[in-house]
Amino acid sequence: MSNLKPLLLSVFLLFAASAQAAPSDDLIRPIQDRWAEIKYRSPAKQQAELYNELSEKVRQISAANPNFPPALIWEGIVVSSEAGARGGLGGLSLAKDAKKVLEESLKLDEKALNGSAYTSLAALYAKVPGWPIGFGDKKKAEELFLKSLNANPDGIDPNYFYGEYLIDQERFAEGRGYLEKALKAAPRPGRELADQGRRQEIQALLSKTAAAPK
């Protein structure tokens, strides 16, 4: 028994140290905040380079915290945002990089950040050109959007992006329904700027399609 107590103490200390060292979502909060600042407050012509700078920071977090899905998800989000800002062949190459990172995160934990990897990956499949130029695939995009909604049915992002996708497919009534649901999403603590910007995008898209077929 006297030998057991030191062993149990060692196990407890090892567990406590491991728990303390485990990465938390706080690591990515500065990335989230900076991404929102770039997207919603920075001039469009500067965004590509700003996203590039931010992608380097999130890659460092991913490298220092392997097997931490939230870092991979945000790496994918930032890189895909840079892809959209750059456009062209450079943007397509970045979109492929973002796709790879998001797929890696799904292998680790498809439920991380309420299934955000599905949302971002679906948006890539929806917006990237199809074969032979890119990997875009509308059918695959919808499949992934539905998975993202299954993981986070009331979230602002999955409802917004799926609504946008449906409107692009001229499924206006369906799309507007998801956009209106996105507007009703609960505020995300600490994501005030992102929520404000996203709601403005939703309102703009609803206004743009106000005269579309019901």
N, C-alpha and C. Protein backbone atom coordinates (compact mmCIF):
# COMPACT_ATOMS: atom_id res chain seq x y z
N MET A 1 0.83 -1.21 0.00
CA MET A 1 0.00 0.00 0.00
C MET A 1 0.86 1.25 0.00
N SER A 2 1.99 1.20 0.72
CA SER A 2 2.87 2.36 0.80
C SER A 2 3.45 2.70 -0.56
N ASN A 3 3.64 1.67 -1.44
CA ASN A 3 4.16 1.92 -2.77
C ASN A 3 3.08 2.44 -3.72
N LEU A 4 1.82 2.16 -3.39
CA LEU A 4 0.72 2.53 -4.26
C LEU A 4 0.44 4.03 -4.21
N LYS A 5 0.57 4.62 -3.03
CA LYS A 5 0.24 6.04 -2.87
C LYS A 5 1.12 6.94 -3.74
N PRO A 6 2.46 6.75 -3.75
CA PRO A 6 3.28 7.57 -4.64
C PRO A 6 2.93 7.38 -6.11
N LEU A 7 2.56 6.14 -6.48
CA LEU A 7 2.19 5.86 -7.87
C LEU A 7 0.92 6.61 -8.25
N LEU A 8 -0.08 6.55 -7.35
CA LEU A 8 -1.34 7.26 -7.62
C LEU A 8 -1.12 8.76 -7.70
N LEU A 9 -0.24 9.28 -6.84
CA LEU A 9 0.07 10.71 -6.86
C LEU A 9 0.72 11.09 -8.19
N SER A 10 1.63 10.25 -8.67
CA SER A 10 2.30 10.52 -9.93
C SER A 10 1.31 10.52 -11.09
N VAL A 11 0.39 9.55 -11.07
CA VAL A 11 -0.62 9.48 -12.13
C VAL A 11 -1.49 10.72 -12.10
N PHE A 12 -1.89 11.15 -10.90
CA PHE A 12 -2.73 12.33 -10.76
C PHE A 12 -2.02 13.57 -11.28
N LEU A 13 -0.75 13.72 -10.92
CA LEU A 13 0.00 14.89 -11.36
C LEU A 13 0.19 14.89 -12.88
N LEU A 14 0.41 13.70 -13.45
CA LEU A 14 0.57 13.60 -14.89
C LEU A 14 -0.72 13.99 -15.59
N PHE A 15 -1.86 13.52 -15.06
CA PHE A 15 -3.16 13.85 -15.64
C PHE A 15 -3.42 15.35 -15.55
N ALA A 16 -3.11 15.92 -14.39
CA ALA A 16 -3.35 17.35 -14.19
C ALA A 16 -2.51 18.18 -15.15
N ALA A 17 -1.27 17.77 -15.33
CA ALA A 17 -0.38 18.50 -16.24
C ALA A 17 -0.88 18.40 -17.68
N SER A 18 -1.37 17.22 -18.05
CA SER A 18 -1.88 17.03 -19.40
C SER A 18 -3.11 17.87 -19.63
N ALA A 19 -4.00 17.90 -18.63
CA ALA A 19 -5.22 18.68 -18.76
C ALA A 19 -4.90 20.17 -18.88
N GLN A 20 -3.92 20.61 -18.11
CA GLN A 20 -3.54 22.02 -18.14
C GLN A 20 -2.90 22.38 -19.47
N ALA A 21 -2.20 21.42 -20.06
CA ALA A 21 -1.49 21.70 -21.31
C ALA A 21 -2.38 21.56 -22.54
N ALA A 22 -3.59 20.99 -22.38
CA ALA A 22 -4.46 20.78 -23.52
C ALA A 22 -4.85 22.12 -24.14
N PRO A 23 -4.80 22.22 -25.47
CA PRO A 23 -5.16 23.49 -26.11
C PRO A 23 -6.63 23.81 -25.91
N SER A 24 -6.95 25.08 -25.82
CA SER A 24 -8.34 25.49 -25.66
C SER A 24 -8.72 26.44 -26.79
N ASP A 25 -10.03 26.68 -26.89
CA ASP A 25 -10.52 27.57 -27.93
C ASP A 25 -10.02 29.00 -27.76
N ASP A 26 -9.51 29.33 -26.57
CA ASP A 26 -8.95 30.67 -26.36
C ASP A 26 -7.78 30.94 -27.29
N LEU A 27 -7.11 29.87 -27.73
CA LEU A 27 -5.97 30.04 -28.63
C LEU A 27 -6.39 30.68 -29.95
N ILE A 28 -7.59 30.38 -30.39
CA ILE A 28 -8.02 30.87 -31.70
C ILE A 28 -8.85 32.15 -31.62
N ARG A 29 -9.16 32.60 -30.40
CA ARG A 29 -9.98 33.81 -30.29
C ARG A 29 -9.33 35.03 -30.96
N PRO A 30 -8.01 35.25 -30.79
CA PRO A 30 -7.40 36.38 -31.51
C PRO A 30 -7.49 36.24 -33.03
N ILE A 31 -7.46 34.99 -33.52
CA ILE A 31 -7.61 34.75 -34.96
C ILE A 31 -9.01 35.12 -35.40
N GLN A 32 -10.02 34.69 -34.63
CA GLN A 32 -11.41 35.03 -34.94
C GLN A 32 -11.61 36.54 -34.99
N ASP A 33 -11.07 37.22 -33.98
CA ASP A 33 -11.25 38.66 -33.89
C ASP A 33 -10.58 39.38 -35.07
N ARG A 34 -9.37 38.96 -35.38
CA ARG A 34 -8.63 39.62 -36.46
C ARG A 34 -9.30 39.34 -37.81
N TRP A 35 -9.78 38.12 -38.00
CA TRP A 35 -10.48 37.78 -39.25
C TRP A 35 -11.68 38.70 -39.45
N ALA A 36 -12.46 38.91 -38.40
CA ALA A 36 -13.63 39.78 -38.50
C ALA A 36 -13.24 41.22 -38.82
N GLU A 37 -12.14 41.68 -38.21
CA GLU A 37 -11.67 43.04 -38.50
C GLU A 37 -11.28 43.19 -39.97
N ILE A 38 -10.58 42.17 -40.48
CA ILE A 38 -10.16 42.23 -41.89
C ILE A 38 -11.38 42.21 -42.81
N LYS A 39 -12.29 41.29 -42.55
CA LYS A 39 -13.44 41.10 -43.45
C LYS A 39 -14.39 42.29 -43.44
N TYR A 40 -14.64 42.83 -42.26
CA TYR A 40 -15.70 43.82 -42.15
C TYR A 40 -15.22 45.26 -41.95
N ARG A 41 -13.92 45.46 -41.75
CA ARG A 41 -13.44 46.82 -41.52
C ARG A 41 -12.28 47.23 -42.41
N SER A 42 -11.69 46.30 -43.14
CA SER A 42 -10.52 46.63 -43.96
C SER A 42 -10.92 46.85 -45.41
N PRO A 43 -10.23 47.77 -46.11
CA PRO A 43 -10.51 47.97 -47.54
C PRO A 43 -10.31 46.68 -48.32
N ALA A 44 -11.16 46.45 -49.29
CA ALA A 44 -11.12 45.20 -50.06
C ALA A 44 -9.75 44.96 -50.70
N LYS A 45 -9.10 46.03 -51.18
CA LYS A 45 -7.83 45.85 -51.88
C LYS A 45 -6.69 45.44 -50.95
N GLN A 46 -6.88 45.58 -49.65
CA GLN A 46 -5.85 45.19 -48.69
C GLN A 46 -6.10 43.81 -48.07
N GLN A 47 -7.26 43.28 -48.29
CA GLN A 47 -7.65 42.09 -47.55
C GLN A 47 -6.81 40.86 -47.85
N ALA A 48 -6.44 40.65 -49.09
CA ALA A 48 -5.67 39.45 -49.45
C ALA A 48 -4.38 39.38 -48.64
N GLU A 49 -3.64 40.49 -48.59
CA GLU A 49 -2.37 40.49 -47.85
C GLU A 49 -2.59 40.36 -46.35
N LEU A 50 -3.64 40.96 -45.84
CA LEU A 50 -3.93 40.86 -44.41
C LEU A 50 -4.32 39.44 -44.04
N TYR A 51 -5.11 38.80 -44.88
CA TYR A 51 -5.44 37.39 -44.63
C TYR A 51 -4.19 36.52 -44.68
N ASN A 52 -3.29 36.83 -45.61
CA ASN A 52 -2.05 36.07 -45.72
C ASN A 52 -1.24 36.15 -44.44
N GLU A 53 -1.15 37.36 -43.87
CA GLU A 53 -0.43 37.54 -42.61
C GLU A 53 -1.10 36.74 -41.49
N LEU A 54 -2.42 36.77 -41.48
CA LEU A 54 -3.14 36.05 -40.43
C LEU A 54 -3.01 34.53 -40.59
N SER A 55 -2.94 34.08 -41.82
CA SER A 55 -2.80 32.63 -42.05
C SER A 55 -1.49 32.11 -41.48
N GLU A 56 -0.44 32.93 -41.54
CA GLU A 56 0.84 32.51 -40.96
C GLU A 56 0.73 32.34 -39.45
N LYS A 57 -0.03 33.21 -38.81
CA LYS A 57 -0.20 33.12 -37.36
C LYS A 57 -0.99 31.88 -36.97
N VAL A 58 -2.05 31.59 -37.71
CA VAL A 58 -2.86 30.42 -37.34
C VAL A 58 -2.12 29.12 -37.68
N ARG A 59 -1.27 29.15 -38.70
CA ARG A 59 -0.45 27.96 -39.00
C ARG A 59 0.52 27.66 -37.86
N GLN A 60 1.04 28.71 -37.25
CA GLN A 60 1.93 28.52 -36.11
C GLN A 60 1.19 27.87 -34.94
N ILE A 61 -0.07 28.28 -34.74
CA ILE A 61 -0.88 27.68 -33.69
C ILE A 61 -1.14 26.21 -34.00
N SER A 62 -1.46 25.92 -35.25
CA SER A 62 -1.70 24.53 -35.66
C SER A 62 -0.46 23.67 -35.47
N ALA A 63 0.70 24.22 -35.83
CA ALA A 63 1.94 23.46 -35.71
C ALA A 63 2.31 23.20 -34.25
N ALA A 64 2.02 24.18 -33.40
CA ALA A 64 2.35 24.03 -31.97
C ALA A 64 1.33 23.18 -31.23
N ASN A 65 0.16 22.98 -31.83
CA ASN A 65 -0.90 22.22 -31.18
C ASN A 65 -1.49 21.21 -32.16
N PRO A 66 -0.69 20.19 -32.50
CA PRO A 66 -1.18 19.19 -33.45
C PRO A 66 -2.43 18.49 -32.90
N ASN A 67 -3.27 18.06 -33.81
CA ASN A 67 -4.51 17.37 -33.45
C ASN A 67 -5.48 18.28 -32.69
N PHE A 68 -5.43 19.58 -32.99
CA PHE A 68 -6.36 20.55 -32.39
C PHE A 68 -7.26 21.08 -33.50
N PRO A 69 -8.42 20.46 -33.71
CA PRO A 69 -9.27 20.79 -34.86
C PRO A 69 -9.64 22.27 -35.00
N PRO A 70 -9.95 23.01 -33.91
CA PRO A 70 -10.32 24.42 -34.10
C PRO A 70 -9.25 25.24 -34.82
N ALA A 71 -7.98 24.95 -34.56
CA ALA A 71 -6.91 25.68 -35.26
C ALA A 71 -6.92 25.35 -36.74
N LEU A 72 -7.13 24.08 -37.07
CA LEU A 72 -7.18 23.68 -38.48
C LEU A 72 -8.38 24.31 -39.17
N ILE A 73 -9.51 24.36 -38.47
CA ILE A 73 -10.71 24.97 -39.05
C ILE A 73 -10.46 26.43 -39.36
N TRP A 74 -9.86 27.14 -38.41
CA TRP A 74 -9.63 28.56 -38.64
C TRP A 74 -8.53 28.80 -39.66
N GLU A 75 -7.60 27.89 -39.75
CA GLU A 75 -6.62 27.99 -40.84
C GLU A 75 -7.35 27.87 -42.18
N GLY A 76 -8.27 26.92 -42.26
CA GLY A 76 -9.05 26.76 -43.48
C GLY A 76 -9.90 27.97 -43.80
N ILE A 77 -10.51 28.56 -42.79
CA ILE A 77 -11.35 29.75 -42.99
C ILE A 77 -10.52 30.92 -43.49
N VAL A 78 -9.38 31.15 -42.86
CA VAL A 78 -8.53 32.29 -43.23
C VAL A 78 -7.97 32.10 -44.64
N VAL A 79 -7.49 30.90 -44.94
CA VAL A 79 -6.91 30.65 -46.26
C VAL A 79 -7.99 30.74 -47.35
N SER A 80 -9.18 30.23 -47.07
CA SER A 80 -10.25 30.33 -48.07
C SER A 80 -10.69 31.79 -48.25
N SER A 81 -10.63 32.58 -47.18
CA SER A 81 -10.94 34.00 -47.30
C SER A 81 -9.91 34.70 -48.17
N GLU A 82 -8.64 34.35 -47.99
CA GLU A 82 -7.60 34.91 -48.86
C GLU A 82 -7.82 34.49 -50.31
N ALA A 83 -8.24 33.23 -50.50
CA ALA A 83 -8.51 32.74 -51.86
C ALA A 83 -9.59 33.59 -52.52
N GLY A 84 -10.65 33.88 -51.77
CA GLY A 84 -11.71 34.70 -52.34
C GLY A 84 -11.27 36.11 -52.63
N ALA A 85 -10.40 36.65 -51.77
CA ALA A 85 -9.92 38.02 -51.97
C ALA A 85 -8.97 38.12 -53.16
N ARG A 86 -8.20 37.08 -53.40
CA ARG A 86 -7.23 37.11 -54.50
C ARG A 86 -7.88 36.76 -55.84
N GLY A 87 -8.70 35.71 -55.85
CA GLY A 87 -9.29 35.27 -57.10
C GLY A 87 -8.26 34.68 -58.04
N GLY A 88 -8.68 34.32 -59.24
CA GLY A 88 -7.77 33.80 -60.26
C GLY A 88 -7.12 32.48 -59.87
N LEU A 89 -6.03 32.16 -60.55
CA LEU A 89 -5.34 30.90 -60.31
C LEU A 89 -4.71 30.86 -58.93
N GLY A 90 -4.23 32.02 -58.46
CA GLY A 90 -3.66 32.07 -57.11
C GLY A 90 -4.72 31.75 -56.07
N GLY A 91 -5.91 32.28 -56.29
CA GLY A 91 -7.01 32.00 -55.38
C GLY A 91 -7.42 30.53 -55.42
N LEU A 92 -7.38 29.93 -56.60
CA LEU A 92 -7.74 28.52 -56.73
C LEU A 92 -6.74 27.63 -55.99
N SER A 93 -5.46 27.94 -56.08
CA SER A 93 -4.45 27.18 -55.36
C SER A 93 -4.67 27.27 -53.85
N LEU A 94 -5.01 28.46 -53.37
CA LEU A 94 -5.29 28.64 -51.95
C LEU A 94 -6.54 27.88 -51.54
N ALA A 95 -7.55 27.88 -52.40
CA ALA A 95 -8.78 27.16 -52.10
C ALA A 95 -8.49 25.66 -51.92
N LYS A 96 -7.60 25.13 -52.73
CA LYS A 96 -7.21 23.72 -52.60
C LYS A 96 -6.51 23.48 -51.26
N ASP A 97 -5.66 24.43 -50.86
CA ASP A 97 -4.99 24.32 -49.57
C ASP A 97 -6.01 24.33 -48.42
N ALA A 98 -6.98 25.25 -48.52
CA ALA A 98 -8.01 25.34 -47.49
C ALA A 98 -8.83 24.06 -47.41
N LYS A 99 -9.17 23.51 -48.55
CA LYS A 99 -9.92 22.25 -48.60
C LYS A 99 -9.19 21.13 -47.87
N LYS A 100 -7.89 21.03 -48.12
CA LYS A 100 -7.09 19.98 -47.48
C LYS A 100 -7.08 20.13 -45.96
N VAL A 101 -6.91 21.36 -45.48
CA VAL A 101 -6.85 21.60 -44.04
C VAL A 101 -8.20 21.30 -43.38
N LEU A 102 -9.28 21.72 -44.02
CA LEU A 102 -10.61 21.48 -43.46
C LEU A 102 -10.92 19.98 -43.42
N GLU A 103 -10.50 19.26 -44.43
CA GLU A 103 -10.70 17.81 -44.44
C GLU A 103 -9.90 17.14 -43.32
N GLU A 104 -8.71 17.66 -43.05
CA GLU A 104 -7.91 17.13 -41.94
C GLU A 104 -8.63 17.34 -40.61
N SER A 105 -9.25 18.51 -40.44
CA SER A 105 -9.96 18.78 -39.18
C SER A 105 -11.14 17.84 -39.01
N LEU A 106 -11.83 17.52 -40.10
CA LEU A 106 -12.99 16.63 -40.02
C LEU A 106 -12.57 15.22 -39.61
N LYS A 107 -11.40 14.80 -40.04
CA LYS A 107 -10.90 13.48 -39.65
C LYS A 107 -10.65 13.41 -38.14
N LEU A 108 -10.28 14.54 -37.56
CA LEU A 108 -10.01 14.59 -36.12
C LEU A 108 -11.29 14.69 -35.31
N ASP A 109 -12.18 15.61 -35.73
CA ASP A 109 -13.43 15.82 -34.97
C ASP A 109 -14.39 16.61 -35.84
N GLU A 110 -15.37 15.92 -36.41
CA GLU A 110 -16.30 16.60 -37.31
C GLU A 110 -17.26 17.53 -36.56
N LYS A 111 -17.33 17.40 -35.23
CA LYS A 111 -18.23 18.25 -34.44
C LYS A 111 -17.55 19.51 -33.89
N ALA A 112 -16.25 19.64 -34.12
CA ALA A 112 -15.52 20.79 -33.57
C ALA A 112 -16.13 22.10 -34.07
N LEU A 113 -16.22 23.07 -33.16
CA LEU A 113 -16.79 24.38 -33.48
C LEU A 113 -18.15 24.25 -34.16
N ASN A 114 -18.96 23.34 -33.61
CA ASN A 114 -20.33 23.13 -34.11
C ASN A 114 -20.38 22.79 -35.60
N GLY A 115 -19.42 21.98 -36.03
CA GLY A 115 -19.43 21.54 -37.43
C GLY A 115 -19.02 22.61 -38.43
N SER A 116 -18.25 23.60 -37.97
CA SER A 116 -17.87 24.71 -38.85
C SER A 116 -17.05 24.27 -40.06
N ALA A 117 -16.33 23.17 -39.93
CA ALA A 117 -15.54 22.70 -41.07
C ALA A 117 -16.46 22.31 -42.23
N TYR A 118 -17.60 21.71 -41.92
CA TYR A 118 -18.56 21.36 -42.96
C TYR A 118 -19.06 22.62 -43.68
N THR A 119 -19.36 23.67 -42.91
CA THR A 119 -19.86 24.90 -43.51
C THR A 119 -18.84 25.51 -44.46
N SER A 120 -17.60 25.62 -44.01
CA SER A 120 -16.56 26.24 -44.84
C SER A 120 -16.22 25.39 -46.06
N LEU A 121 -16.18 24.07 -45.86
CA LEU A 121 -15.88 23.18 -46.98
C LEU A 121 -17.01 23.21 -48.00
N ALA A 122 -18.26 23.26 -47.52
CA ALA A 122 -19.40 23.34 -48.43
C ALA A 122 -19.34 24.61 -49.27
N ALA A 123 -18.98 25.73 -48.63
CA ALA A 123 -18.88 27.00 -49.35
C ALA A 123 -17.81 26.93 -50.44
N LEU A 124 -16.71 26.24 -50.15
CA LEU A 124 -15.66 26.08 -51.16
C LEU A 124 -16.18 25.27 -52.35
N TYR A 125 -16.83 24.15 -52.08
CA TYR A 125 -17.37 23.33 -53.17
C TYR A 125 -18.40 24.10 -53.99
N ALA A 126 -19.13 25.01 -53.33
CA ALA A 126 -20.17 25.78 -54.01
C ALA A 126 -19.59 26.87 -54.91
N LYS A 127 -18.45 27.44 -54.51
CA LYS A 127 -17.95 28.65 -55.19
C LYS A 127 -16.76 28.41 -56.10
N VAL A 128 -16.01 27.35 -55.86
CA VAL A 128 -14.84 27.06 -56.70
C VAL A 128 -15.32 26.50 -58.05
N PRO A 129 -14.66 26.86 -59.15
CA PRO A 129 -15.04 26.29 -60.45
C PRO A 129 -14.93 24.77 -60.44
N GLY A 130 -15.74 24.14 -61.25
CA GLY A 130 -15.71 22.68 -61.34
C GLY A 130 -14.62 22.17 -62.26
N TRP A 131 -14.61 20.86 -62.44
CA TRP A 131 -13.63 20.20 -63.32
C TRP A 131 -13.78 20.74 -64.73
N PRO A 132 -12.68 20.94 -65.49
CA PRO A 132 -11.30 20.54 -65.19
C PRO A 132 -10.47 21.62 -64.50
N ILE A 133 -11.08 22.77 -64.20
CA ILE A 133 -10.30 23.86 -63.60
C ILE A 133 -10.10 23.64 -62.10
N GLY A 134 -11.19 23.35 -61.42
CA GLY A 134 -11.12 23.21 -59.97
C GLY A 134 -11.90 22.01 -59.47
N PHE A 135 -12.18 22.01 -58.18
CA PHE A 135 -12.86 20.86 -57.56
C PHE A 135 -14.33 21.16 -57.25
N GLY A 136 -14.82 22.31 -57.68
CA GLY A 136 -16.19 22.70 -57.37
C GLY A 136 -17.20 21.64 -57.76
N ASP A 137 -18.23 21.49 -56.93
CA ASP A 137 -19.24 20.44 -57.16
C ASP A 137 -20.50 20.85 -56.39
N LYS A 138 -21.53 21.29 -57.10
CA LYS A 138 -22.74 21.78 -56.44
C LYS A 138 -23.43 20.69 -55.62
N LYS A 139 -23.46 19.48 -56.14
CA LYS A 139 -24.10 18.38 -55.41
C LYS A 139 -23.36 18.09 -54.11
N LYS A 140 -22.04 18.06 -54.18
CA LYS A 140 -21.23 17.83 -52.99
C LYS A 140 -21.40 18.98 -52.01
N ALA A 141 -21.50 20.20 -52.52
CA ALA A 141 -21.69 21.36 -51.66
C ALA A 141 -22.98 21.22 -50.85
N GLU A 142 -24.06 20.85 -51.52
CA GLU A 142 -25.34 20.73 -50.80
C GLU A 142 -25.29 19.62 -49.75
N GLU A 143 -24.64 18.54 -50.09
CA GLU A 143 -24.47 17.43 -49.13
C GLU A 143 -23.75 17.92 -47.87
N LEU A 144 -22.70 18.72 -48.05
CA LEU A 144 -21.94 19.24 -46.92
C LEU A 144 -22.71 20.30 -46.16
N PHE A 145 -23.47 21.14 -46.87
CA PHE A 145 -24.29 22.14 -46.20
C PHE A 145 -25.30 21.46 -45.26
N LEU A 146 -25.89 20.39 -45.71
CA LEU A 146 -26.88 19.69 -44.88
C LEU A 146 -26.22 19.07 -43.65
N LYS A 147 -24.99 18.62 -43.80
CA LYS A 147 -24.25 18.11 -42.64
C LYS A 147 -23.95 19.24 -41.65
N SER A 148 -23.62 20.41 -42.19
CA SER A 148 -23.33 21.54 -41.30
C SER A 148 -24.58 21.97 -40.55
N LEU A 149 -25.72 21.92 -41.21
CA LEU A 149 -26.98 22.27 -40.55
C LEU A 149 -27.40 21.22 -39.54
N ASN A 150 -27.08 19.98 -39.82
CA ASN A 150 -27.37 18.93 -38.85
C ASN A 150 -26.56 19.13 -37.57
N ALA A 151 -25.32 19.62 -37.73
CA ALA A 151 -24.46 19.85 -36.57
C ALA A 151 -24.85 21.13 -35.83
N ASN A 152 -25.35 22.13 -36.56
CA ASN A 152 -25.65 23.43 -35.94
C ASN A 152 -26.88 24.02 -36.63
N PRO A 153 -28.07 23.46 -36.37
CA PRO A 153 -29.27 23.84 -37.13
C PRO A 153 -29.69 25.28 -36.98
N ASP A 154 -29.37 25.91 -35.87
CA ASP A 154 -29.81 27.29 -35.64
C ASP A 154 -28.70 28.31 -35.79
N GLY A 155 -27.53 27.89 -36.24
CA GLY A 155 -26.38 28.79 -36.32
C GLY A 155 -26.51 29.81 -37.45
N ILE A 156 -25.93 30.96 -37.24
CA ILE A 156 -26.02 32.02 -38.25
C ILE A 156 -25.24 31.67 -39.51
N ASP A 157 -24.06 31.07 -39.38
CA ASP A 157 -23.24 30.80 -40.56
C ASP A 157 -23.79 29.68 -41.45
N PRO A 158 -24.14 28.51 -40.91
CA PRO A 158 -24.65 27.47 -41.80
C PRO A 158 -25.94 27.88 -42.50
N ASN A 159 -26.81 28.61 -41.81
CA ASN A 159 -28.05 29.05 -42.44
C ASN A 159 -27.79 30.12 -43.50
N TYR A 160 -26.86 31.03 -43.21
CA TYR A 160 -26.53 32.06 -44.20
C TYR A 160 -25.92 31.45 -45.45
N PHE A 161 -24.90 30.62 -45.29
CA PHE A 161 -24.21 30.08 -46.46
C PHE A 161 -25.10 29.15 -47.27
N TYR A 162 -25.94 28.38 -46.60
CA TYR A 162 -26.84 27.50 -47.36
C TYR A 162 -27.90 28.35 -48.08
N GLY A 163 -28.39 29.39 -47.39
CA GLY A 163 -29.34 30.29 -48.05
C GLY A 163 -28.73 30.95 -49.28
N GLU A 164 -27.50 31.40 -49.15
CA GLU A 164 -26.80 32.01 -50.28
C GLU A 164 -26.66 31.01 -51.43
N TYR A 165 -26.30 29.78 -51.08
CA TYR A 165 -26.15 28.74 -52.09
C TYR A 165 -27.47 28.49 -52.83
N LEU A 166 -28.56 28.39 -52.08
CA LEU A 166 -29.86 28.13 -52.69
C LEU A 166 -30.27 29.27 -53.62
N ILE A 167 -29.99 30.50 -53.22
CA ILE A 167 -30.32 31.64 -54.07
C ILE A 167 -29.47 31.61 -55.34
N ASP A 168 -28.21 31.24 -55.23
CA ASP A 168 -27.36 31.11 -56.41
C ASP A 168 -27.91 30.05 -57.36
N GLN A 169 -28.61 29.06 -56.80
CA GLN A 169 -29.23 28.00 -57.60
C GLN A 169 -30.64 28.38 -58.06
N GLU A 170 -31.01 29.63 -57.80
CA GLU A 170 -32.33 30.17 -58.15
C GLU A 170 -33.47 29.45 -57.43
N ARG A 171 -33.16 28.93 -56.26
CA ARG A 171 -34.18 28.35 -55.37
C ARG A 171 -34.50 29.43 -54.32
N PHE A 172 -35.13 30.49 -54.80
CA PHE A 172 -35.23 31.72 -54.03
C PHE A 172 -36.04 31.57 -52.74
N ALA A 173 -37.18 30.94 -52.81
CA ALA A 173 -38.03 30.81 -51.63
C ALA A 173 -37.31 30.03 -50.53
N GLU A 174 -36.68 28.93 -50.92
CA GLU A 174 -35.92 28.13 -49.94
C GLU A 174 -34.78 28.96 -49.35
N GLY A 175 -34.07 29.64 -50.22
CA GLY A 175 -32.92 30.41 -49.77
C GLY A 175 -33.30 31.51 -48.81
N ARG A 176 -34.37 32.22 -49.11
CA ARG A 176 -34.81 33.29 -48.23
C ARG A 176 -35.22 32.74 -46.86
N GLY A 177 -35.79 31.56 -46.86
CA GLY A 177 -36.18 30.94 -45.58
C GLY A 177 -34.98 30.70 -44.68
N TYR A 178 -33.89 30.22 -45.26
CA TYR A 178 -32.69 29.99 -44.47
C TYR A 178 -32.03 31.30 -44.05
N LEU A 179 -32.07 32.30 -44.91
CA LEU A 179 -31.52 33.61 -44.54
C LEU A 179 -32.30 34.22 -43.38
N GLU A 180 -33.60 34.12 -43.44
CA GLU A 180 -34.42 34.65 -42.34
C GLU A 180 -34.16 33.90 -41.04
N LYS A 181 -33.92 32.61 -41.16
CA LYS A 181 -33.57 31.84 -39.96
C LYS A 181 -32.21 32.27 -39.42
N ALA A 182 -31.29 32.58 -40.31
CA ALA A 182 -29.96 33.04 -39.88
C ALA A 182 -30.07 34.33 -39.08
N LEU A 183 -30.98 35.21 -39.49
CA LEU A 183 -31.15 36.47 -38.77
C LEU A 183 -31.63 36.25 -37.33
N LYS A 184 -32.30 35.14 -37.09
CA LYS A 184 -32.84 34.85 -35.77
C LYS A 184 -31.84 34.11 -34.87
N ALA A 185 -30.65 33.83 -35.39
CA ALA A 185 -29.65 33.08 -34.62
C ALA A 185 -29.26 33.85 -33.36
N ALA A 186 -29.00 33.10 -32.30
CA ALA A 186 -28.58 33.72 -31.04
C ALA A 186 -27.22 34.37 -31.20
N PRO A 187 -26.99 35.50 -30.55
CA PRO A 187 -25.68 36.15 -30.60
C PRO A 187 -24.58 35.22 -30.09
N ARG A 188 -23.41 35.33 -30.68
CA ARG A 188 -22.27 34.52 -30.25
C ARG A 188 -21.38 35.36 -29.34
N PRO A 189 -21.24 34.97 -28.08
CA PRO A 189 -20.39 35.75 -27.16
C PRO A 189 -18.98 35.93 -27.70
N GLY A 190 -18.52 37.17 -27.71
CA GLY A 190 -17.18 37.47 -28.19
C GLY A 190 -17.07 37.59 -29.70
N ARG A 191 -18.17 37.37 -30.42
CA ARG A 191 -18.14 37.43 -31.88
C ARG A 191 -19.04 38.56 -32.39
N GLU A 192 -19.11 39.63 -31.61
CA GLU A 192 -20.06 40.70 -31.92
C GLU A 192 -19.83 41.31 -33.31
N LEU A 193 -18.58 41.59 -33.66
CA LEU A 193 -18.29 42.18 -34.96
C LEU A 193 -18.66 41.22 -36.09
N ALA A 194 -18.31 39.95 -35.91
CA ALA A 194 -18.63 38.96 -36.93
C ALA A 194 -20.14 38.83 -37.10
N ASP A 195 -20.87 38.82 -35.99
CA ASP A 195 -22.33 38.72 -36.07
C ASP A 195 -22.93 39.94 -36.76
N GLN A 196 -22.43 41.12 -36.40
CA GLN A 196 -22.95 42.35 -37.00
C GLN A 196 -22.70 42.34 -38.51
N GLY A 197 -21.48 42.00 -38.91
CA GLY A 197 -21.15 41.96 -40.33
C GLY A 197 -21.95 40.94 -41.09
N ARG A 198 -22.12 39.76 -40.48
CA ARG A 198 -22.89 38.71 -41.15
C ARG A 198 -24.35 39.12 -41.32
N ARG A 199 -24.92 39.74 -40.31
CA ARG A 199 -26.31 40.18 -40.41
C ARG A 199 -26.48 41.22 -41.51
N GLN A 200 -25.50 42.07 -41.68
CA GLN A 200 -25.57 43.04 -42.77
C GLN A 200 -25.54 42.35 -44.13
N GLU A 201 -24.71 41.30 -44.24
CA GLU A 201 -24.66 40.53 -45.48
C GLU A 201 -26.00 39.85 -45.76
N ILE A 202 -26.61 39.32 -44.71
CA ILE A 202 -27.90 38.66 -44.86
C ILE A 202 -28.97 39.64 -45.31
N GLN A 203 -29.02 40.80 -44.65
CA GLN A 203 -30.00 41.81 -45.02
C GLN A 203 -29.81 42.26 -46.46
N ALA A 204 -28.56 42.42 -46.88
CA ALA A 204 -28.29 42.85 -48.25
C ALA A 204 -28.77 41.81 -49.25
N LEU A 205 -28.56 40.53 -48.94
CA LEU A 205 -28.98 39.47 -49.85
C LEU A 205 -30.51 39.35 -49.88
N LEU A 206 -31.15 39.54 -48.74
CA LEU A 206 -32.61 39.52 -48.70
C LEU A 206 -33.18 40.68 -49.52
N SER A 207 -32.57 41.84 -49.40
CA SER A 207 -33.03 43.00 -50.17
C SER A 207 -32.83 42.78 -51.66
N LYS A 208 -31.70 42.21 -52.01
CA LYS A 208 -31.38 41.97 -53.42
C LYS A 208 -32.37 41.01 -54.06
N THR A 209 -32.87 40.06 -53.28
CA THR A 209 -33.76 39.04 -53.83
C THR A 209 -35.23 39.29 -53.48
N ALA A 210 -35.53 40.50 -53.01
CA ALA A 210 -36.91 40.79 -52.58
C ALA A 210 -37.91 40.61 -53.70
N ALA A 211 -37.49 40.92 -54.92
CA ALA A 211 -38.40 40.82 -56.06
C ALA A 211 -38.29 39.48 -56.78
N ALA A 212 -37.47 38.58 -56.24
CA ALA A 212 -37.30 37.27 -56.89
C ALA A 212 -38.57 36.44 -56.75
N PRO A 213 -38.75 35.44 -57.59
CA PRO A 213 -39.94 34.58 -57.50
C PRO A 213 -40.09 33.97 -56.11
N LYS A 214 -41.31 33.82 -55.65
CA LYS A 214 -41.57 33.24 -54.34
C LYS A 214 -41.51 31.71 -54.39
